[in-house]
Amino acid sequence: MVFGVRKISFYDTKPYDRIYFDELKEKHGYEIEYYEEKLTPRTAIFAKGSEAVIAFVNDDLSAKTLQILYENGVKLIAMRCAGYNNVDIKYAHGKMPVVRVPAYSPYAVAEHAMGMLLMLNRKLHKACYRVKEYNFSLNGLMGFDLYGKTVGIIGTGKIGRTFSNICNGFGMRVLGYDLYPAKDTGIEYVSLEEIYEKSDIISLHCPLTKDNYYMINKDTISSMKTGVYIINTSRGSLIDSEALMEALKNGKVGAAALDVYEEESDLFFEDNSDTIIQDDILARLISMPNVLVTSHQAFLTREALQNIAEVTLDNLDAYFAGEEMVNEVVQH
């Protein structure tokens, strides 16, 4: 449905974003102004004259940013991601609705989580580099069978359930924790305490809220099995990175696979290869042989990017047509 050309400001643009939004923007009747800069109080003025902004996970949508957008005529915040913990929802309420893309591809994220687990466990990254130097030694590459191991999944929305299905295919025992357990999934729901105590592998698939900030911390790690593997493809601040680092150093945590990091906003999605990383904890984590860090890329598949573009523009359509916005973030 076309409503006439409306100007939209698009922040934190990457080349792969433009491919899919450019394919659809004319069909939906939008003129999109792309900015490589992240949305911050400094860059919010770029959106003057736009009716909506399209923002991403590491943009700064604090009250200060939102006020500048509001004063310059922006009517809608369209997040092109599922998370919205970087948005001051309370401040936005009554000024401009916030919409999101709740499920772009659960398969993309769940498959990435399993890929990271397999790589860490079987030392595939190490083996690859060795062979490139014609080193065919197997020393130090020993892993363990996933079959029969217990995986604890925290958050059993679409991504968590998809990861559960993958784990079932490996013959693993799946334990789950969620405030709202899903029915008819075959997941064995237990308490968080049991997840920590019984799991050989813990994978995080829950949104970040004020209640679960640093849910993986010194105390909860102490109750886990020695040698536990921790996977995080959700939000960085679910884990106290300093506590994780100490647990990796003393062997309490056997390995960690991190696609997100609590202080990632100034680093991830950018080429920092010519700079000295000032974040000592991240630098230490990356240097550890039992840690695998990827740059928030779990979502990055063709199918996911296509869905993100379609749902984001559908969200805009619904707002400008005065229709129900099924993906609106509602303040609780």
C-alpha atoms as a PDB file:
ATOM      1  CA  MET A   1       0.000   0.000   0.000  1.00  0.00           C
ATOM      2  CA  VAL A   2       1.485   3.352  -1.014  1.00  0.00           C
ATOM      3  CA  PHE A   3       0.755   6.542   0.953  1.00  0.00           C
ATOM      4  CA  GLY A   4       2.794   8.999  -1.089  1.00  0.00           C
ATOM      5  CA  VAL A   5       6.497   9.595  -0.614  1.00  0.00           C
ATOM      6  CA  ARG A   6       7.418  10.083   3.018  1.00  0.00           C
ATOM      7  CA  LYS A   7      10.925  10.908   4.184  1.00  0.00           C
ATOM      8  CA  ILE A   8      12.563   8.480   6.598  1.00  0.00           C
ATOM      9  CA  SER A   9      15.963   8.792   8.286  1.00  0.00           C
ATOM     10  CA  PHE A  10      17.938   5.568   8.576  1.00  0.00           C
ATOM     11  CA  TYR A  11      20.813   5.403  11.095  1.00  0.00           C
ATOM     12  CA  ASP A  12      23.874   3.184  11.541  1.00  0.00           C
ATOM     13  CA  THR A  13      23.643   2.082   7.913  1.00  0.00           C
ATOM     14  CA  LYS A  14      25.692  -0.808   6.603  1.00  0.00           C
ATOM     15  CA  PRO A  15      25.916  -1.895   2.935  1.00  0.00           C
ATOM     16  CA  TYR A  16      23.892  -5.039   3.590  1.00  0.00           C
ATOM     17  CA  ASP A  17      21.060  -2.917   5.073  1.00  0.00           C
ATOM     18  CA  ARG A  18      20.675  -0.830   1.937  1.00  0.00           C
ATOM     19  CA  ILE A  19      20.376  -3.835  -0.368  1.00  0.00           C
ATOM     20  CA  TYR A  20      17.087  -4.980   1.119  1.00  0.00           C
ATOM     21  CA  PHE A  21      15.553  -1.622   2.047  1.00  0.00           C
ATOM     22  CA  ASP A  22      16.327  -0.197  -1.403  1.00  0.00           C
ATOM     23  CA  GLU A  23      14.493  -3.128  -2.987  1.00  0.00           C
ATOM     24  CA  LEU A  24      11.295  -2.274  -1.112  1.00  0.00           C
ATOM     25  CA  LYS A  25      11.250   1.459  -0.362  1.00  0.00           C
ATOM     26  CA  GLU A  26       9.589   2.627  -3.583  1.00  0.00           C
ATOM     27  CA  LYS A  27       6.901  -0.024  -3.343  1.00  0.00           C
ATOM     28  CA  HIS A  28       6.040   1.303   0.117  1.00  0.00           C
ATOM     29  CA  GLY A  29       6.342   4.940  -0.889  1.00  0.00           C
ATOM     30  CA  TYR A  30       9.319   6.033   1.190  1.00  0.00           C
ATOM     31  CA  GLU A  31      12.328   8.217   0.543  1.00  0.00           C
ATOM     32  CA  ILE A  32      15.061   6.898   2.826  1.00  0.00           C
ATOM     33  CA  GLU A  33      17.990   9.078   3.819  1.00  0.00           C
ATOM     34  CA  TYR A  34      20.802   6.784   4.941  1.00  0.00           C
ATOM     35  CA  TYR A  35      23.348   7.795   7.572  1.00  0.00           C
ATOM     36  CA  GLU A  36      26.372   5.727   8.529  1.00  0.00           C
ATOM     37  CA  GLU A  37      26.497   7.515  11.881  1.00  0.00           C
ATOM     38  CA  LYS A  38      24.752   6.020  14.874  1.00  0.00           C
ATOM     39  CA  LEU A  39      21.725   7.836  16.245  1.00  0.00           C
ATOM     40  CA  THR A  40      22.845   9.980  19.198  1.00  0.00           C
ATOM     41  CA  PRO A  41      21.888  13.385  20.594  1.00  0.00           C
ATOM     42  CA  ARG A  42      24.511  14.851  18.246  1.00  0.00           C
ATOM     43  CA  THR A  43      23.193  13.161  15.081  1.00  0.00           C
ATOM     44  CA  ALA A  44      19.477  13.340  15.888  1.00  0.00           C
ATOM     45  CA  ILE A  45      19.258  16.702  14.104  1.00  0.00           C
ATOM     46  CA  PHE A  46      19.950  14.882  10.809  1.00  0.00           C
ATOM     47  CA  ALA A  47      16.368  13.617  10.972  1.00  0.00           C
ATOM     48  CA  LYS A  48      14.858  17.093  10.751  1.00  0.00           C
ATOM     49  CA  GLY A  49      12.110  16.947   8.141  1.00  0.00           C
ATOM     50  CA  SER A  50      11.705  13.179   8.427  1.00  0.00           C
ATOM     51  CA  GLU A  51       8.489  11.651   9.674  1.00  0.00           C
ATOM     52  CA  ALA A  52      10.177   8.573  11.147  1.00  0.00           C
ATOM     53  CA  VAL A  53      13.587   7.185  11.969  1.00  0.00           C
ATOM     54  CA  ILE A  54      14.788   3.637  11.479  1.00  0.00           C
ATOM     55  CA  ALA A  55      17.251   2.727  14.230  1.00  0.00           C
ATOM     56  CA  PHE A  56      19.315  -0.259  15.312  1.00  0.00           C
ATOM     57  CA  VAL A  57      20.403  -2.076  18.420  1.00  0.00           C
ATOM     58  CA  ASN A  58      23.365   0.128  19.395  1.00  0.00           C
ATOM     59  CA  ASP A  59      21.812   3.507  18.619  1.00  0.00           C
ATOM     60  CA  ASP A  60      21.297   5.879  21.540  1.00  0.00           C
ATOM     61  CA  LEU A  61      17.582   6.498  21.936  1.00  0.00           C
ATOM     62  CA  SER A  62      17.812   8.122  25.331  1.00  0.00           C
ATOM     63  CA  ALA A  63      15.420  10.843  26.457  1.00  0.00           C
ATOM     64  CA  LYS A  64      17.778  13.516  25.139  1.00  0.00           C
ATOM     65  CA  THR A  65      17.870  11.967  21.654  1.00  0.00           C
ATOM     66  CA  LEU A  66      14.123  11.395  21.596  1.00  0.00           C
ATOM     67  CA  GLN A  67      13.440  14.990  22.605  1.00  0.00           C
ATOM     68  CA  ILE A  68      15.522  16.329  19.711  1.00  0.00           C
ATOM     69  CA  LEU A  69      13.759  13.978  17.290  1.00  0.00           C
ATOM     70  CA  TYR A  70      10.346  15.011  18.635  1.00  0.00           C
ATOM     71  CA  GLU A  71      11.133  18.716  18.388  1.00  0.00           C
ATOM     72  CA  ASN A  72      12.167  18.225  14.770  1.00  0.00           C
ATOM     73  CA  GLY A  73       8.977  16.526  13.664  1.00  0.00           C
ATOM     74  CA  VAL A  74       9.752  12.836  13.951  1.00  0.00           C
ATOM     75  CA  LYS A  75       6.545  10.936  14.639  1.00  0.00           C
ATOM     76  CA  LEU A  76       7.671   7.302  14.862  1.00  0.00           C
ATOM     77  CA  ILE A  77      10.678   5.250  16.004  1.00  0.00           C
ATOM     78  CA  ALA A  78      11.053   2.067  13.950  1.00  0.00           C
ATOM     79  CA  MET A  79      13.597  -0.344  15.393  1.00  0.00           C
ATOM     80  CA  ARG A  80      14.914  -2.764  12.779  1.00  0.00           C
ATOM     81  CA  CYS A  81      15.680  -5.354  15.461  1.00  0.00           C
ATOM     82  CA  ALA A  82      13.893  -7.242  18.205  1.00  0.00           C
ATOM     83  CA  GLY A  83      15.546  -5.577  21.191  1.00  0.00           C
ATOM     84  CA  TYR A  84      14.633  -2.127  22.446  1.00  0.00           C
ATOM     85  CA  ASN A  85      16.524  -1.829  25.735  1.00  0.00           C
ATOM     86  CA  ASN A  86      18.400   1.122  24.201  1.00  0.00           C
ATOM     87  CA  VAL A  87      15.134   3.089  23.890  1.00  0.00           C
ATOM     88  CA  ASP A  88      13.721   5.203  26.712  1.00  0.00           C
ATOM     89  CA  ILE A  89      10.210   3.804  26.273  1.00  0.00           C
ATOM     90  CA  LYS A  90       8.839   5.773  29.207  1.00  0.00           C
ATOM     91  CA  TYR A  91       9.976   9.066  27.699  1.00  0.00           C
ATOM     92  CA  ALA A  92       8.722   8.134  24.231  1.00  0.00           C
ATOM     93  CA  HIS A  93       5.250   7.323  25.555  1.00  0.00           C
ATOM     94  CA  GLY A  94       2.746   9.895  24.407  1.00  0.00           C
ATOM     95  CA  LYS A  95       5.248  11.528  22.042  1.00  0.00           C
ATOM     96  CA  MET A  96       6.062   8.936  19.416  1.00  0.00           C
ATOM     97  CA  PRO A  97       5.251   5.221  19.148  1.00  0.00           C
ATOM     98  CA  VAL A  98       8.098   2.703  19.039  1.00  0.00           C
ATOM     99  CA  VAL A  99       7.792  -0.359  16.807  1.00  0.00           C
ATOM    100  CA  ARG A 100      10.176  -3.259  16.351  1.00  0.00           C
ATOM    101  CA  VAL A 101      10.829  -6.468  14.424  1.00  0.00           C
ATOM    102  CA  PRO A 102      10.108  -9.178  16.988  1.00  0.00           C
ATOM    103  CA  ALA A 103      11.103 -12.219  14.915  1.00  0.00           C
ATOM    104  CA  TYR A 104      13.176 -11.791  11.772  1.00  0.00           C
ATOM    105  CA  SER A 105      14.702 -15.282  11.699  1.00  0.00           C
ATOM    106  CA  PRO A 106      14.909 -17.467  14.780  1.00  0.00           C
ATOM    107  CA  TYR A 107      16.816 -19.967  12.655  1.00  0.00           C
ATOM    108  CA  ALA A 108      19.627 -17.503  11.933  1.00  0.00           C
ATOM    109  CA  VAL A 109      20.350 -16.799  15.607  1.00  0.00           C
ATOM    110  CA  ALA A 110      19.825 -20.363  16.845  1.00  0.00           C
ATOM    111  CA  GLU A 111      22.038 -21.819  14.116  1.00  0.00           C
ATOM    112  CA  HIS A 112      24.765 -19.288  14.923  1.00  0.00           C
ATOM    113  CA  ALA A 113      24.619 -20.261  18.594  1.00  0.00           C
ATOM    114  CA  MET A 114      25.053 -23.923  17.712  1.00  0.00           C
ATOM    115  CA  GLY A 115      27.804 -23.076  15.244  1.00  0.00           C
ATOM    116  CA  MET A 116      29.734 -21.242  17.958  1.00  0.00           C
ATOM    117  CA  LEU A 117      29.271 -24.160  20.351  1.00  0.00           C
ATOM    118  CA  LEU A 118      30.538 -26.667  17.794  1.00  0.00           C
ATOM    119  CA  MET A 119      33.521 -24.502  16.903  1.00  0.00           C
ATOM    120  CA  LEU A 120      34.516 -23.979  20.535  1.00  0.00           C
ATOM    121  CA  ASN A 121      34.009 -27.584  21.561  1.00  0.00           C
ATOM    122  CA  ARG A 122      35.828 -29.189  18.632  1.00  0.00           C
ATOM    123  CA  LYS A 123      38.443 -26.412  18.365  1.00  0.00           C
ATOM    124  CA  LEU A 124      37.607 -25.895  14.688  1.00  0.00           C
ATOM    125  CA  HIS A 125      39.033 -22.371  14.641  1.00  0.00           C
ATOM    126  CA  LYS A 126      42.358 -23.625  15.976  1.00  0.00           C
ATOM    127  CA  ALA A 127      42.449 -26.581  13.591  1.00  0.00           C
ATOM    128  CA  CYS A 128      41.806 -24.305  10.607  1.00  0.00           C
ATOM    129  CA  TYR A 129      44.727 -22.020  11.417  1.00  0.00           C
ATOM    130  CA  ARG A 130      47.044 -24.951  12.157  1.00  0.00           C
ATOM    131  CA  VAL A 131      46.398 -26.663   8.843  1.00  0.00           C
ATOM    132  CA  LYS A 132      47.075 -23.423   6.954  1.00  0.00           C
ATOM    133  CA  GLU A 133      50.604 -23.704   8.358  1.00  0.00           C
ATOM    134  CA  TYR A 134      50.745 -27.440   7.500  1.00  0.00           C
ATOM    135  CA  ASN A 135      50.540 -28.348  11.180  1.00  0.00           C
ATOM    136  CA  PHE A 136      48.469 -31.519  11.279  1.00  0.00           C
ATOM    137  CA  SER A 137      48.975 -32.300  14.957  1.00  0.00           C
ATOM    138  CA  LEU A 138      45.841 -33.186  16.946  1.00  0.00           C
ATOM    139  CA  ASN A 139      47.293 -32.165  20.291  1.00  0.00           C
ATOM    140  CA  GLY A 140      45.038 -29.719  22.129  1.00  0.00           C
ATOM    141  CA  LEU A 141      42.048 -30.245  19.825  1.00  0.00           C
ATOM    142  CA  MET A 142      40.073 -32.697  21.950  1.00  0.00           C
ATOM    143  CA  GLY A 143      36.385 -31.941  22.464  1.00  0.00           C
ATOM    144  CA  PHE A 144      33.443 -33.866  23.896  1.00  0.00           C
ATOM    145  CA  ASP A 145      30.298 -35.495  22.520  1.00  0.00           C
ATOM    146  CA  LEU A 146      27.278 -33.252  22.636  1.00  0.00           C
ATOM    147  CA  TYR A 147      25.135 -36.379  22.706  1.00  0.00           C
ATOM    148  CA  GLY A 148      23.806 -36.971  26.193  1.00  0.00           C
ATOM    149  CA  LYS A 149      24.891 -33.582  27.549  1.00  0.00           C
ATOM    150  CA  THR A 150      22.455 -31.270  29.311  1.00  0.00           C
ATOM    151  CA  VAL A 151      21.833 -27.847  27.799  1.00  0.00           C
ATOM    152  CA  GLY A 152      20.026 -25.173  29.768  1.00  0.00           C
ATOM    153  CA  ILE A 153      18.159 -22.649  27.625  1.00  0.00           C
ATOM    154  CA  ILE A 154      17.213 -19.385  29.314  1.00  0.00           C
ATOM    155  CA  GLY A 155      14.429 -17.792  27.288  1.00  0.00           C
ATOM    156  CA  THR A 156      12.236 -20.056  25.179  1.00  0.00           C
ATOM    157  CA  GLY A 157      10.717 -17.682  22.669  1.00  0.00           C
ATOM    158  CA  LYS A 158      11.020 -18.499  18.983  1.00  0.00           C
ATOM    159  CA  ILE A 159      14.822 -18.414  19.022  1.00  0.00           C
ATOM    160  CA  GLY A 160      15.128 -20.442  22.222  1.00  0.00           C
ATOM    161  CA  ARG A 161      12.686 -23.068  20.939  1.00  0.00           C
ATOM    162  CA  THR A 162      14.522 -23.300  17.628  1.00  0.00           C
ATOM    163  CA  PHE A 163      17.799 -23.796  19.478  1.00  0.00           C
ATOM    164  CA  SER A 164      16.069 -26.452  21.572  1.00  0.00           C
ATOM    165  CA  ASN A 165      15.044 -28.319  18.428  1.00  0.00           C
ATOM    166  CA  ILE A 166      18.623 -28.229  17.150  1.00  0.00           C
ATOM    167  CA  CYS A 167      19.886 -29.573  20.478  1.00  0.00           C
ATOM    168  CA  ASN A 168      17.306 -32.353  20.347  1.00  0.00           C
ATOM    169  CA  GLY A 169      18.749 -33.342  17.001  1.00  0.00           C
ATOM    170  CA  PHE A 170      22.123 -33.833  18.673  1.00  0.00           C
ATOM    171  CA  GLY A 171      20.564 -36.077  21.312  1.00  0.00           C
ATOM    172  CA  MET A 172      20.984 -33.594  24.140  1.00  0.00           C
ATOM    173  CA  ARG A 173      18.813 -33.245  27.220  1.00  0.00           C
ATOM    174  CA  VAL A 174      17.111 -29.849  27.074  1.00  0.00           C
ATOM    175  CA  LEU A 175      16.191 -27.885  30.189  1.00  0.00           C
ATOM    176  CA  GLY A 176      14.393 -24.575  29.832  1.00  0.00           C
ATOM    177  CA  TYR A 177      13.591 -21.532  31.893  1.00  0.00           C
ATOM    178  CA  ASP A 178      11.134 -18.816  30.919  1.00  0.00           C
ATOM    179  CA  LEU A 179       8.784 -16.529  32.808  1.00  0.00           C
ATOM    180  CA  TYR A 180       6.109 -17.677  30.350  1.00  0.00           C
ATOM    181  CA  PRO A 181       6.772 -21.342  29.492  1.00  0.00           C
ATOM    182  CA  ALA A 182       5.742 -22.402  26.008  1.00  0.00           C
ATOM    183  CA  LYS A 183       3.253 -25.242  25.725  1.00  0.00           C
ATOM    184  CA  ASP A 184       3.700 -28.461  23.768  1.00  0.00           C
ATOM    185  CA  THR A 185       7.406 -27.944  23.084  1.00  0.00           C
ATOM    186  CA  GLY A 186       8.892 -30.971  24.792  1.00  0.00           C
ATOM    187  CA  ILE A 187      11.133 -28.659  26.796  1.00  0.00           C
ATOM    188  CA  GLU A 188      11.629 -29.704  30.414  1.00  0.00           C
ATOM    189  CA  TYR A 189      11.008 -26.486  32.344  1.00  0.00           C
ATOM    190  CA  VAL A 190      12.906 -26.023  35.591  1.00  0.00           C
ATOM    191  CA  SER A 191      13.938 -23.165  37.877  1.00  0.00           C
ATOM    192  CA  LEU A 192      16.863 -20.906  37.096  1.00  0.00           C
ATOM    193  CA  GLU A 193      18.735 -22.487  39.977  1.00  0.00           C
ATOM    194  CA  GLU A 194      18.354 -25.916  38.361  1.00  0.00           C
ATOM    195  CA  ILE A 195      19.519 -24.525  35.019  1.00  0.00           C
ATOM    196  CA  TYR A 196      22.696 -23.306  36.679  1.00  0.00           C
ATOM    197  CA  GLU A 197      23.280 -26.478  38.706  1.00  0.00           C
ATOM    198  CA  LYS A 198      22.510 -29.152  36.104  1.00  0.00           C
ATOM    199  CA  SER A 199      23.589 -27.748  32.746  1.00  0.00           C
ATOM    200  CA  ASP A 200      26.773 -28.657  30.920  1.00  0.00           C
ATOM    201  CA  ILE A 201      26.008 -25.852  28.483  1.00  0.00           C
ATOM    202  CA  ILE A 202      23.946 -22.698  29.132  1.00  0.00           C
ATOM    203  CA  SER A 203      22.595 -20.663  26.229  1.00  0.00           C
ATOM    204  CA  LEU A 204      20.950 -17.251  26.663  1.00  0.00           C
ATOM    205  CA  HIS A 205      17.986 -16.376  24.437  1.00  0.00           C
ATOM    206  CA  CYS A 206      16.069 -13.857  26.545  1.00  0.00           C
ATOM    207  CA  PRO A 207      15.571 -10.093  26.159  1.00  0.00           C
ATOM    208  CA  LEU A 208      17.437  -7.761  28.487  1.00  0.00           C
ATOM    209  CA  THR A 209      15.307  -6.235  31.241  1.00  0.00           C
ATOM    210  CA  LYS A 210      16.029  -4.438  34.507  1.00  0.00           C
ATOM    211  CA  ASP A 211      15.294  -7.718  36.292  1.00  0.00           C
ATOM    212  CA  ASN A 212      17.836  -9.894  34.486  1.00  0.00           C
ATOM    213  CA  TYR A 213      20.698  -7.413  34.109  1.00  0.00           C
ATOM    214  CA  TYR A 214      23.889  -9.351  34.991  1.00  0.00           C
ATOM    215  CA  MET A 215      21.942 -12.544  35.597  1.00  0.00           C
ATOM    216  CA  ILE A 216      25.210 -14.371  34.913  1.00  0.00           C
ATOM    217  CA  ASN A 217      27.409 -13.049  37.706  1.00  0.00           C
ATOM    218  CA  LYS A 218      29.910 -14.186  40.309  1.00  0.00           C
ATOM    219  CA  ASP A 219      27.226 -15.752  42.512  1.00  0.00           C
ATOM    220  CA  THR A 220      25.289 -17.558  39.793  1.00  0.00           C
ATOM    221  CA  ILE A 221      28.502 -18.802  38.181  1.00  0.00           C
ATOM    222  CA  SER A 222      29.558 -20.287  41.524  1.00  0.00           C
ATOM    223  CA  SER A 223      26.468 -22.523  41.460  1.00  0.00           C
ATOM    224  CA  MET A 224      27.224 -23.871  37.972  1.00  0.00           C
ATOM    225  CA  LYS A 225      29.034 -27.059  37.056  1.00  0.00           C
ATOM    226  CA  THR A 226      32.791 -26.713  36.817  1.00  0.00           C
ATOM    227  CA  GLY A 227      33.691 -26.525  33.132  1.00  0.00           C
ATOM    228  CA  VAL A 228      30.290 -25.234  31.987  1.00  0.00           C
ATOM    229  CA  TYR A 229      30.077 -23.693  28.517  1.00  0.00           C
ATOM    230  CA  ILE A 230      28.179 -20.376  28.271  1.00  0.00           C
ATOM    231  CA  ILE A 231      26.693 -19.095  25.010  1.00  0.00           C
ATOM    232  CA  ASN A 232      25.248 -15.605  24.587  1.00  0.00           C
ATOM    233  CA  THR A 233      23.602 -14.523  21.335  1.00  0.00           C
ATOM    234  CA  SER A 234      21.070 -12.286  23.071  1.00  0.00           C
ATOM    235  CA  ARG A 235      22.251  -9.162  24.926  1.00  0.00           C
ATOM    236  CA  GLY A 236      25.669  -8.433  26.366  1.00  0.00           C
ATOM    237  CA  SER A 237      24.518  -7.082  29.718  1.00  0.00           C
ATOM    238  CA  LEU A 238      22.968 -10.396  30.674  1.00  0.00           C
ATOM    239  CA  ILE A 239      26.533 -11.307  31.672  1.00  0.00           C
ATOM    240  CA  ASP A 240      28.881  -9.556  34.069  1.00  0.00           C
ATOM    241  CA  SER A 241      31.922  -9.699  31.793  1.00  0.00           C
ATOM    242  CA  GLU A 242      34.441  -9.240  34.580  1.00  0.00           C
ATOM    243  CA  ALA A 243      32.934 -12.120  36.554  1.00  0.00           C
ATOM    244  CA  LEU A 244      32.958 -14.270  33.420  1.00  0.00           C
ATOM    245  CA  MET A 245      36.598 -13.461  32.747  1.00  0.00           C
ATOM    246  CA  GLU A 246      37.599 -14.457  36.278  1.00  0.00           C
ATOM    247  CA  ALA A 247      35.634 -17.707  35.991  1.00  0.00           C
ATOM    248  CA  LEU A 248      37.360 -18.509  32.688  1.00  0.00           C
ATOM    249  CA  LYS A 249      40.752 -17.826  34.258  1.00  0.00           C
ATOM    250  CA  ASN A 250      40.153 -20.142  37.232  1.00  0.00           C
ATOM    251  CA  GLY A 251      38.486 -22.874  35.176  1.00  0.00           C
ATOM    252  CA  LYS A 252      35.002 -22.655  36.677  1.00  0.00           C
ATOM    253  CA  VAL A 253      33.709 -21.788  33.195  1.00  0.00           C
ATOM    254  CA  GLY A 254      35.182 -24.092  30.571  1.00  0.00           C
ATOM    255  CA  ALA A 255      34.489 -21.879  27.564  1.00  0.00           C
ATOM    256  CA  ALA A 256      32.354 -18.976  26.399  1.00  0.00           C
ATOM    257  CA  ALA A 257      30.806 -18.131  23.030  1.00  0.00           C
ATOM    258  CA  LEU A 258      29.826 -14.468  22.841  1.00  0.00           C
ATOM    259  CA  ASP A 259      28.095 -12.831  19.898  1.00  0.00           C
ATOM    260  CA  VAL A 260      27.259  -9.826  22.096  1.00  0.00           C
ATOM    261  CA  TYR A 261      29.151  -7.846  24.711  1.00  0.00           C
ATOM    262  CA  GLU A 262      27.940  -5.390  27.332  1.00  0.00           C
ATOM    263  CA  GLU A 263      30.129  -2.511  26.091  1.00  0.00           C
ATOM    264  CA  GLU A 264      29.860  -3.279  22.388  1.00  0.00           C
ATOM    265  CA  SER A 265      28.165  -0.109  21.155  1.00  0.00           C
ATOM    266  CA  ASP A 266      31.371   1.757  20.254  1.00  0.00           C
ATOM    267  CA  LEU A 267      33.117  -1.297  18.810  1.00  0.00           C
ATOM    268  CA  PHE A 268      30.849  -3.813  17.140  1.00  0.00           C
ATOM    269  CA  PHE A 269      29.774  -3.432  13.498  1.00  0.00           C
ATOM    270  CA  GLU A 270      32.894  -1.320  12.810  1.00  0.00           C
ATOM    271  CA  ASP A 271      36.417  -2.036  11.542  1.00  0.00           C
ATOM    272  CA  ASN A 272      38.712  -1.327  14.481  1.00  0.00           C
ATOM    273  CA  SER A 273      41.668  -3.298  13.149  1.00  0.00           C
ATOM    274  CA  ASP A 274      43.928  -0.231  13.110  1.00  0.00           C
ATOM    275  CA  THR A 275      43.092   0.895  16.628  1.00  0.00           C
ATOM    276  CA  ILE A 276      44.156  -0.170  20.103  1.00  0.00           C
ATOM    277  CA  ILE A 277      41.120  -1.474  21.962  1.00  0.00           C
ATOM    278  CA  GLN A 278      40.792   0.410  25.235  1.00  0.00           C
ATOM    279  CA  ASP A 279      38.381  -2.102  26.759  1.00  0.00           C
ATOM    280  CA  ASP A 280      40.759  -4.310  28.727  1.00  0.00           C
ATOM    281  CA  ILE A 281      38.136  -6.904  29.602  1.00  0.00           C
ATOM    282  CA  LEU A 282      37.088  -7.430  25.986  1.00  0.00           C
ATOM    283  CA  ALA A 283      40.714  -7.547  24.850  1.00  0.00           C
ATOM    284  CA  ARG A 284      41.443 -10.183  27.514  1.00  0.00           C
ATOM    285  CA  LEU A 285      38.387 -12.245  26.582  1.00  0.00           C
ATOM    286  CA  ILE A 286      39.317 -12.228  22.899  1.00  0.00           C
ATOM    287  CA  SER A 287      42.840 -13.346  23.747  1.00  0.00           C
ATOM    288  CA  MET A 288      41.665 -16.424  25.669  1.00  0.00           C
ATOM    289  CA  PRO A 289      41.890 -19.728  23.772  1.00  0.00           C
ATOM    290  CA  ASN A 290      38.594 -20.946  25.221  1.00  0.00           C
ATOM    291  CA  VAL A 291      36.588 -17.868  24.216  1.00  0.00           C
ATOM    292  CA  LEU A 292      34.979 -17.243  20.847  1.00  0.00           C
ATOM    293  CA  VAL A 293      33.737 -13.717  20.130  1.00  0.00           C
ATOM    294  CA  THR A 294      31.765 -12.699  17.043  1.00  0.00           C
ATOM    295  CA  SER A 295      30.586  -9.178  16.308  1.00  0.00           C
ATOM    296  CA  HIS A 296      26.823  -9.411  16.875  1.00  0.00           C
ATOM    297  CA  GLN A 297      26.385 -11.273  13.595  1.00  0.00           C
ATOM    298  CA  ALA A 298      24.007 -14.049  14.649  1.00  0.00           C
ATOM    299  CA  PHE A 299      21.134 -12.368  12.766  1.00  0.00           C
ATOM    300  CA  LEU A 300      23.116 -11.930   9.562  1.00  0.00           C
ATOM    301  CA  THR A 301      21.496 -14.146   6.926  1.00  0.00           C
ATOM    302  CA  ARG A 302      19.825 -13.198   3.658  1.00  0.00           C
ATOM    303  CA  GLU A 303      16.484 -14.414   4.945  1.00  0.00           C
ATOM    304  CA  ALA A 304      16.738 -12.419   8.160  1.00  0.00           C
ATOM    305  CA  LEU A 305      17.732  -9.197   6.392  1.00  0.00           C
ATOM    306  CA  GLN A 306      14.849  -9.594   3.956  1.00  0.00           C
ATOM    307  CA  ASN A 307      12.404 -10.103   6.828  1.00  0.00           C
ATOM    308  CA  ILE A 308      13.809  -7.147   8.764  1.00  0.00           C
ATOM    309  CA  ALA A 309      13.263  -4.820   5.801  1.00  0.00           C
ATOM    310  CA  GLU A 310       9.769  -6.119   5.091  1.00  0.00           C
ATOM    311  CA  VAL A 311       8.527  -5.983   8.686  1.00  0.00           C
ATOM    312  CA  THR A 312      10.098  -2.584   9.361  1.00  0.00           C
ATOM    313  CA  LEU A 313       8.403  -1.035   6.333  1.00  0.00           C
ATOM    314  CA  ASP A 314       5.126  -2.818   7.138  1.00  0.00           C
ATOM    315  CA  ASN A 315       5.339  -1.248  10.612  1.00  0.00           C
ATOM    316  CA  LEU A 316       5.704   2.181   9.004  1.00  0.00           C
ATOM    317  CA  ASP A 317       2.766   1.460   6.701  1.00  0.00           C
ATOM    318  CA  ALA A 318       0.527   0.541   9.622  1.00  0.00           C
ATOM    319  CA  TYR A 319       1.349   3.746  11.482  1.00  0.00           C
ATOM    320  CA  PHE A 320       0.810   6.098   8.542  1.00  0.00           C
ATOM    321  CA  ALA A 321      -2.417   4.302   7.574  1.00  0.00           C
ATOM    322  CA  GLY A 322      -3.764   4.620  11.107  1.00  0.00           C
ATOM    323  CA  GLU A 323      -3.987   0.849  11.419  1.00  0.00           C
ATOM    324  CA  GLU A 324      -3.217  -1.346  14.408  1.00  0.00           C
ATOM    325  CA  MET A 325       0.529  -1.568  15.010  1.00  0.00           C
ATOM    326  CA  VAL A 326       0.945  -5.199  16.017  1.00  0.00           C
ATOM    327  CA  ASN A 327       4.652  -4.716  16.669  1.00  0.00           C
ATOM    328  CA  GLU A 328       4.383  -1.621  18.837  1.00  0.00           C
ATOM    329  CA  VAL A 329       6.383  -1.667  22.064  1.00  0.00           C
ATOM    330  CA  VAL A 330       3.888  -1.118  24.858  1.00  0.00           C
ATOM    331  CA  GLN A 331       4.968   0.502  28.097  1.00  0.00           C
ATOM    332  CA  HIS A 332       4.254  -1.656  31.143  1.00  0.00           C
END
